[in-house]
């Protein structure tokens, strides 16, 4: 129980905060995407209230952007260690019981064979939308929080936090680069948590609907 509670706090703090930093960096570098998210929020939510979790199914482009941020940034490039419970064989390789298994999620998020796409190094939210851009596609190989019975126990908490913070920020503010600021390096810093390089951002308040 203690370890599970610790995992919940970790999933709801460090990785979530890093994801939100990636949200800011990628919106700064892709103002067209930011504007489209804001248009969808204004069309569905309006300017008189903030987005809620109940609105999420009606925001397909916003959801696709969140999914693409998760894929592009791959916050946890290497999964937590697991152990095989029995002797097994995978793709011709014999794996004895009690062998440590570590998932390479970075490789999966950049595998052109899995995604059938030559643009995986580019930020394209449309890859998560259907042809009519009306619904979100959720490929099995889009692994963000691990998989199986030992997936991250904080997955649902983290998803809700990221959605709420991201939609509230773009509903209330427009993210812009400071005057004279150049390109933000979106390659990120390698590590157990794949974080963006330090950056500066200006938050310009958006007007609410007039009474």
C-alpha atoms as a PDB file:
ATOM      1  CA  UNK A   1       0.000   0.000   0.000  1.00  0.00           C
ATOM      2  CA  UNK A   2       2.806   2.406   0.852  1.00  0.00           C
ATOM      3  CA  UNK A   3       4.503   1.772  -2.503  1.00  0.00           C
ATOM      4  CA  UNK A   4       1.203   2.237  -4.359  1.00  0.00           C
ATOM      5  CA  UNK A   5       0.505   5.559  -2.647  1.00  0.00           C
ATOM      6  CA  UNK A   6       4.054   6.692  -3.451  1.00  0.00           C
ATOM      7  CA  UNK A   7       3.478   5.802  -7.113  1.00  0.00           C
ATOM      8  CA  UNK A   8       0.278   7.858  -7.116  1.00  0.00           C
ATOM      9  CA  UNK A   9       2.116  10.939  -5.855  1.00  0.00           C
ATOM     10  CA  UNK A  10       4.945  10.476  -8.341  1.00  0.00           C
ATOM     11  CA  UNK A  11       2.517  10.046 -11.232  1.00  0.00           C
ATOM     12  CA  UNK A  12       0.627  13.130 -10.124  1.00  0.00           C
ATOM     13  CA  UNK A  13       3.616  15.398  -9.632  1.00  0.00           C
ATOM     14  CA  UNK A  14       6.936  15.014 -11.486  1.00  0.00           C
ATOM     15  CA  UNK A  15       5.737  13.371 -14.693  1.00  0.00           C
ATOM     16  CA  UNK A  16       2.577  15.477 -14.829  1.00  0.00           C
ATOM     17  CA  UNK A  17       4.508  18.712 -14.297  1.00  0.00           C
ATOM     18  CA  UNK A  18       7.000  17.698 -16.998  1.00  0.00           C
ATOM     19  CA  UNK A  19       4.166  16.909 -19.399  1.00  0.00           C
ATOM     20  CA  UNK A  20       2.685  20.363 -18.824  1.00  0.00           C
ATOM     21  CA  UNK A  21       6.069  21.944 -19.527  1.00  0.00           C
ATOM     22  CA  UNK A  22       6.111  20.043 -22.827  1.00  0.00           C
ATOM     23  CA  UNK A  23       2.599  21.346 -23.497  1.00  0.00           C
ATOM     24  CA  UNK A  24       3.870  24.901 -23.162  1.00  0.00           C
ATOM     25  CA  UNK A  25       6.986  24.372 -25.302  1.00  0.00           C
ATOM     26  CA  UNK A  26       5.079  22.663 -28.106  1.00  0.00           C
ATOM     27  CA  UNK A  27       2.325  25.285 -28.125  1.00  0.00           C
ATOM     28  CA  UNK A  28       4.995  27.993 -28.362  1.00  0.00           C
ATOM     29  CA  UNK A  29       6.557  26.247 -31.354  1.00  0.00           C
ATOM     30  CA  UNK A  30       3.210  25.435 -32.970  1.00  0.00           C
ATOM     31  CA  UNK A  31       0.978  28.517 -32.551  1.00  0.00           C
ATOM     32  CA  UNK A  32      -1.349  27.209 -35.281  1.00  0.00           C
ATOM     33  CA  UNK A  33      -2.110  24.161 -33.130  1.00  0.00           C
ATOM     34  CA  UNK A  34      -2.635  26.359 -30.083  1.00  0.00           C
ATOM     35  CA  UNK A  35      -5.083  28.554 -32.008  1.00  0.00           C
ATOM     36  CA  UNK A  36      -7.043  25.540 -33.240  1.00  0.00           C
ATOM     37  CA  UNK A  37      -7.349  24.166 -29.692  1.00  0.00           C
ATOM     38  CA  UNK A  38      -8.584  27.561 -28.500  1.00  0.00           C
ATOM     39  CA  UNK A  39     -11.151  27.741 -31.307  1.00  0.00           C
ATOM     40  CA  UNK A  40     -12.480  24.307 -30.364  1.00  0.00           C
ATOM     41  CA  UNK A  41     -12.654  25.278 -26.699  1.00  0.00           C
ATOM     42  CA  UNK A  42     -14.512  28.485 -27.547  1.00  0.00           C
ATOM     43  CA  UNK A  43     -16.937  26.677 -29.872  1.00  0.00           C
ATOM     44  CA  UNK A  44     -17.762  23.902 -27.400  1.00  0.00           C
ATOM     45  CA  UNK A  45     -17.222  25.544 -24.007  1.00  0.00           C
ATOM     46  CA  UNK A  46     -17.778  29.207 -24.742  1.00  0.00           C
ATOM     47  CA  UNK A  47     -16.153  32.039 -22.838  1.00  0.00           C
ATOM     48  CA  UNK A  48     -18.397  32.079 -19.770  1.00  0.00           C
ATOM     49  CA  UNK A  49     -17.115  28.957 -17.998  1.00  0.00           C
ATOM     50  CA  UNK A  50     -14.075  26.707 -17.737  1.00  0.00           C
ATOM     51  CA  UNK A  51     -13.764  23.261 -19.350  1.00  0.00           C
ATOM     52  CA  UNK A  52     -14.759  20.258 -17.259  1.00  0.00           C
ATOM     53  CA  UNK A  53     -14.108  16.532 -17.544  1.00  0.00           C
ATOM     54  CA  UNK A  54     -17.616  16.122 -18.926  1.00  0.00           C
ATOM     55  CA  UNK A  55     -16.587  18.208 -21.967  1.00  0.00           C
ATOM     56  CA  UNK A  56     -13.699  15.941 -22.893  1.00  0.00           C
ATOM     57  CA  UNK A  57     -15.587  13.650 -25.343  1.00  0.00           C
ATOM     58  CA  UNK A  58     -16.681  16.751 -27.285  1.00  0.00           C
ATOM     59  CA  UNK A  59     -13.121  18.055 -27.772  1.00  0.00           C
ATOM     60  CA  UNK A  60     -11.542  15.611 -30.266  1.00  0.00           C
ATOM     61  CA  UNK A  61      -8.830  17.948 -31.563  1.00  0.00           C
ATOM     62  CA  UNK A  62      -7.816  18.995 -28.046  1.00  0.00           C
ATOM     63  CA  UNK A  63      -7.633  15.334 -27.026  1.00  0.00           C
ATOM     64  CA  UNK A  64      -5.557  14.516 -30.122  1.00  0.00           C
ATOM     65  CA  UNK A  65      -3.120  17.304 -29.203  1.00  0.00           C
ATOM     66  CA  UNK A  66      -2.730  15.898 -25.685  1.00  0.00           C
ATOM     67  CA  UNK A  67      -2.103  12.423 -27.118  1.00  0.00           C
ATOM     68  CA  UNK A  68       0.454  13.748 -29.597  1.00  0.00           C
ATOM     69  CA  UNK A  69       2.254  15.658 -26.837  1.00  0.00           C
ATOM     70  CA  UNK A  70       2.495  12.391 -24.905  1.00  0.00           C
ATOM     71  CA  UNK A  71       3.834  10.538 -27.962  1.00  0.00           C
ATOM     72  CA  UNK A  72       6.185  13.250 -29.169  1.00  0.00           C
ATOM     73  CA  UNK A  73       7.687  13.953 -25.738  1.00  0.00           C
ATOM     74  CA  UNK A  74       7.549  10.363 -24.392  1.00  0.00           C
ATOM     75  CA  UNK A  75       7.959  11.583 -20.806  1.00  0.00           C
ATOM     76  CA  UNK A  76       8.928   8.108 -19.540  1.00  0.00           C
ATOM     77  CA  UNK A  77      11.136   6.739 -22.354  1.00  0.00           C
ATOM     78  CA  UNK A  78      12.007   3.601 -20.381  1.00  0.00           C
ATOM     79  CA  UNK A  79       9.377   1.655 -18.430  1.00  0.00           C
ATOM     80  CA  UNK A  80       9.593   0.462 -14.857  1.00  0.00           C
ATOM     81  CA  UNK A  81      11.331  -2.918 -14.375  1.00  0.00           C
ATOM     82  CA  UNK A  82       9.134  -6.018 -14.476  1.00  0.00           C
ATOM     83  CA  UNK A  83       9.958  -9.698 -13.977  1.00  0.00           C
ATOM     84  CA  UNK A  84       8.677 -12.716 -15.850  1.00  0.00           C
ATOM     85  CA  UNK A  85       6.613 -14.997 -13.592  1.00  0.00           C
ATOM     86  CA  UNK A  86       7.148 -18.123 -15.722  1.00  0.00           C
ATOM     87  CA  UNK A  87       9.489 -19.362 -18.449  1.00  0.00           C
ATOM     88  CA  UNK A  88       8.267 -17.956 -21.734  1.00  0.00           C
ATOM     89  CA  UNK A  89       9.194 -17.463 -25.379  1.00  0.00           C
ATOM     90  CA  UNK A  90       8.776 -14.180 -27.245  1.00  0.00           C
ATOM     91  CA  UNK A  91       9.522 -13.877 -30.961  1.00  0.00           C
ATOM     92  CA  UNK A  92      11.826 -16.869 -30.806  1.00  0.00           C
ATOM     93  CA  UNK A  93      13.699 -15.696 -27.717  1.00  0.00           C
ATOM     94  CA  UNK A  94      13.555 -17.891 -24.628  1.00  0.00           C
ATOM     95  CA  UNK A  95      13.062 -15.816 -21.487  1.00  0.00           C
ATOM     96  CA  UNK A  96      13.525 -17.676 -18.180  1.00  0.00           C
ATOM     97  CA  UNK A  97      11.377 -17.063 -15.133  1.00  0.00           C
ATOM     98  CA  UNK A  98      12.438 -14.102 -12.939  1.00  0.00           C
ATOM     99  CA  UNK A  99      14.123 -12.279 -15.845  1.00  0.00           C
ATOM    100  CA  UNK A 100      13.987  -8.485 -15.570  1.00  0.00           C
ATOM    101  CA  UNK A 101      12.006  -6.930 -18.449  1.00  0.00           C
ATOM    102  CA  UNK A 102      12.156  -3.204 -19.226  1.00  0.00           C
ATOM    103  CA  UNK A 103       9.976  -1.645 -21.927  1.00  0.00           C
ATOM    104  CA  UNK A 104      11.528   0.772 -24.432  1.00  0.00           C
ATOM    105  CA  UNK A 105       8.639   3.186 -24.910  1.00  0.00           C
ATOM    106  CA  UNK A 106      10.775   5.682 -26.808  1.00  0.00           C
ATOM    107  CA  UNK A 107      11.427   3.091 -29.497  1.00  0.00           C
ATOM    108  CA  UNK A 108       7.720   2.297 -29.724  1.00  0.00           C
ATOM    109  CA  UNK A 109       6.742   5.954 -30.122  1.00  0.00           C
ATOM    110  CA  UNK A 110       9.233   6.326 -33.000  1.00  0.00           C
ATOM    111  CA  UNK A 111       8.660   2.976 -34.752  1.00  0.00           C
ATOM    112  CA  UNK A 112       7.606   3.708 -38.340  1.00  0.00           C
ATOM    113  CA  UNK A 113       6.406   0.133 -38.832  1.00  0.00           C
ATOM    114  CA  UNK A 114       3.952   0.399 -35.954  1.00  0.00           C
ATOM    115  CA  UNK A 115       2.662   3.828 -36.881  1.00  0.00           C
ATOM    116  CA  UNK A 116       2.879   3.429 -40.657  1.00  0.00           C
ATOM    117  CA  UNK A 117       4.096   6.988 -40.762  1.00  0.00           C
ATOM    118  CA  UNK A 118       7.253   8.716 -41.999  1.00  0.00           C
ATOM    119  CA  UNK A 119       6.690  11.876 -39.939  1.00  0.00           C
ATOM    120  CA  UNK A 120       7.182  10.585 -36.398  1.00  0.00           C
ATOM    121  CA  UNK A 121       9.818  13.222 -35.627  1.00  0.00           C
ATOM    122  CA  UNK A 122       7.255  15.924 -36.392  1.00  0.00           C
ATOM    123  CA  UNK A 123       4.485  17.207 -34.131  1.00  0.00           C
ATOM    124  CA  UNK A 124       1.217  16.267 -35.860  1.00  0.00           C
ATOM    125  CA  UNK A 125      -1.917  15.878 -33.680  1.00  0.00           C
ATOM    126  CA  UNK A 126      -3.887  14.787 -36.761  1.00  0.00           C
ATOM    127  CA  UNK A 127      -2.301  11.324 -36.541  1.00  0.00           C
ATOM    128  CA  UNK A 128      -4.691  10.665 -33.629  1.00  0.00           C
ATOM    129  CA  UNK A 129      -7.828  11.757 -35.523  1.00  0.00           C
ATOM    130  CA  UNK A 130     -10.012   9.873 -37.975  1.00  0.00           C
ATOM    131  CA  UNK A 131     -10.350  11.020 -41.579  1.00  0.00           C
ATOM    132  CA  UNK A 132     -13.152  13.441 -40.713  1.00  0.00           C
ATOM    133  CA  UNK A 133     -11.387  14.771 -37.596  1.00  0.00           C
ATOM    134  CA  UNK A 134     -14.494  13.952 -35.567  1.00  0.00           C
ATOM    135  CA  UNK A 135     -13.147  11.269 -33.249  1.00  0.00           C
ATOM    136  CA  UNK A 136      -9.876  10.286 -31.612  1.00  0.00           C
ATOM    137  CA  UNK A 137      -7.974   7.150 -32.596  1.00  0.00           C
ATOM    138  CA  UNK A 138      -6.253   5.247 -29.784  1.00  0.00           C
ATOM    139  CA  UNK A 139      -3.709   2.802 -31.257  1.00  0.00           C
ATOM    140  CA  UNK A 140      -2.695  -0.131 -29.063  1.00  0.00           C
ATOM    141  CA  UNK A 141       0.967   0.780 -29.549  1.00  0.00           C
ATOM    142  CA  UNK A 142       0.456   4.245 -28.049  1.00  0.00           C
ATOM    143  CA  UNK A 143       1.810   3.325 -24.605  1.00  0.00           C
ATOM    144  CA  UNK A 144       2.182   6.203 -22.158  1.00  0.00           C
ATOM    145  CA  UNK A 145       1.665   4.700 -18.699  1.00  0.00           C
ATOM    146  CA  UNK A 146       2.887   1.158 -19.246  1.00  0.00           C
ATOM    147  CA  UNK A 147       0.651  -1.811 -19.961  1.00  0.00           C
ATOM    148  CA  UNK A 148      -0.826  -4.906 -18.382  1.00  0.00           C
ATOM    149  CA  UNK A 149      -1.692  -5.492 -14.730  1.00  0.00           C
ATOM    150  CA  UNK A 150       1.419  -3.590 -13.602  1.00  0.00           C
ATOM    151  CA  UNK A 151       0.708  -0.372 -15.491  1.00  0.00           C
ATOM    152  CA  UNK A 152       1.054   2.925 -13.630  1.00  0.00           C
ATOM    153  CA  UNK A 153      -1.598   3.080 -10.860  1.00  0.00           C
ATOM    154  CA  UNK A 154      -1.690   6.869 -11.197  1.00  0.00           C
ATOM    155  CA  UNK A 155      -2.716   6.785 -14.875  1.00  0.00           C
ATOM    156  CA  UNK A 156      -6.274   8.052 -14.442  1.00  0.00           C
ATOM    157  CA  UNK A 157      -5.211  10.760 -11.979  1.00  0.00           C
ATOM    158  CA  UNK A 158      -2.446  12.001 -14.300  1.00  0.00           C
ATOM    159  CA  UNK A 159      -4.750  12.027 -17.348  1.00  0.00           C
ATOM    160  CA  UNK A 160      -7.339  14.122 -15.538  1.00  0.00           C
ATOM    161  CA  UNK A 161      -4.730  16.558 -14.217  1.00  0.00           C
ATOM    162  CA  UNK A 162      -3.100  17.056 -17.624  1.00  0.00           C
ATOM    163  CA  UNK A 163      -6.449  17.581 -19.349  1.00  0.00           C
ATOM    164  CA  UNK A 164      -7.711  20.075 -16.758  1.00  0.00           C
ATOM    165  CA  UNK A 165      -4.503  22.124 -16.579  1.00  0.00           C
ATOM    166  CA  UNK A 166      -3.974  22.133 -20.356  1.00  0.00           C
ATOM    167  CA  UNK A 167      -7.523  23.130 -21.282  1.00  0.00           C
ATOM    168  CA  UNK A 168      -7.793  25.728 -18.515  1.00  0.00           C
ATOM    169  CA  UNK A 169      -4.492  27.341 -19.526  1.00  0.00           C
ATOM    170  CA  UNK A 170      -5.432  27.628 -23.201  1.00  0.00           C
ATOM    171  CA  UNK A 171      -8.965  28.710 -22.368  1.00  0.00           C
ATOM    172  CA  UNK A 172      -7.667  31.565 -20.225  1.00  0.00           C
ATOM    173  CA  UNK A 173      -4.330  32.436 -21.846  1.00  0.00           C
ATOM    174  CA  UNK A 174      -2.427  32.503 -25.123  1.00  0.00           C
ATOM    175  CA  UNK A 175       1.158  31.323 -24.813  1.00  0.00           C
ATOM    176  CA  UNK A 176       3.675  33.513 -26.629  1.00  0.00           C
ATOM    177  CA  UNK A 177       7.449  33.789 -26.817  1.00  0.00           C
ATOM    178  CA  UNK A 178       9.094  36.788 -25.175  1.00  0.00           C
ATOM    179  CA  UNK A 179      10.277  39.490 -27.570  1.00  0.00           C
ATOM    180  CA  UNK A 180      13.486  38.409 -29.256  1.00  0.00           C
ATOM    181  CA  UNK A 181      13.210  34.768 -28.169  1.00  0.00           C
ATOM    182  CA  UNK A 182      14.359  32.194 -30.695  1.00  0.00           C
ATOM    183  CA  UNK A 183      13.483  28.579 -31.424  1.00  0.00           C
ATOM    184  CA  UNK A 184      12.976  26.278 -28.446  1.00  0.00           C
ATOM    185  CA  UNK A 185      14.882  23.011 -28.762  1.00  0.00           C
ATOM    186  CA  UNK A 186      12.211  20.298 -28.759  1.00  0.00           C
ATOM    187  CA  UNK A 187      14.630  17.357 -28.614  1.00  0.00           C
ATOM    188  CA  UNK A 188      14.488  17.370 -24.818  1.00  0.00           C
ATOM    189  CA  UNK A 189      16.963  16.255 -22.196  1.00  0.00           C
ATOM    190  CA  UNK A 190      17.592  12.504 -21.937  1.00  0.00           C
ATOM    191  CA  UNK A 191      16.998  10.847 -18.584  1.00  0.00           C
ATOM    192  CA  UNK A 192      14.592   8.713 -16.599  1.00  0.00           C
ATOM    193  CA  UNK A 193      12.107  11.545 -17.184  1.00  0.00           C
ATOM    194  CA  UNK A 194      12.438  13.125 -20.638  1.00  0.00           C
ATOM    195  CA  UNK A 195      12.164  16.840 -19.849  1.00  0.00           C
ATOM    196  CA  UNK A 196      12.292  19.898 -22.134  1.00  0.00           C
ATOM    197  CA  UNK A 197      15.175  22.335 -21.980  1.00  0.00           C
ATOM    198  CA  UNK A 198      14.569  25.521 -19.938  1.00  0.00           C
ATOM    199  CA  UNK A 199      12.407  28.041 -21.797  1.00  0.00           C
ATOM    200  CA  UNK A 200      10.584  31.324 -21.328  1.00  0.00           C
ATOM    201  CA  UNK A 201       6.912  31.946 -21.987  1.00  0.00           C
ATOM    202  CA  UNK A 202       4.577  34.919 -21.785  1.00  0.00           C
ATOM    203  CA  UNK A 203       0.946  34.278 -20.868  1.00  0.00           C
ATOM    204  CA  UNK A 204      -1.395  36.742 -22.524  1.00  0.00           C
ATOM    205  CA  UNK A 205      -4.865  36.765 -20.901  1.00  0.00           C
ATOM    206  CA  UNK A 206      -7.736  36.017 -23.258  1.00  0.00           C
ATOM    207  CA  UNK A 207     -10.924  38.064 -23.058  1.00  0.00           C
ATOM    208  CA  UNK A 208     -13.942  36.501 -21.417  1.00  0.00           C
ATOM    209  CA  UNK A 209     -17.439  36.996 -22.824  1.00  0.00           C
ATOM    210  CA  UNK A 210     -18.945  40.335 -21.965  1.00  0.00           C
ATOM    211  CA  UNK A 211     -21.816  40.368 -19.484  1.00  0.00           C
END
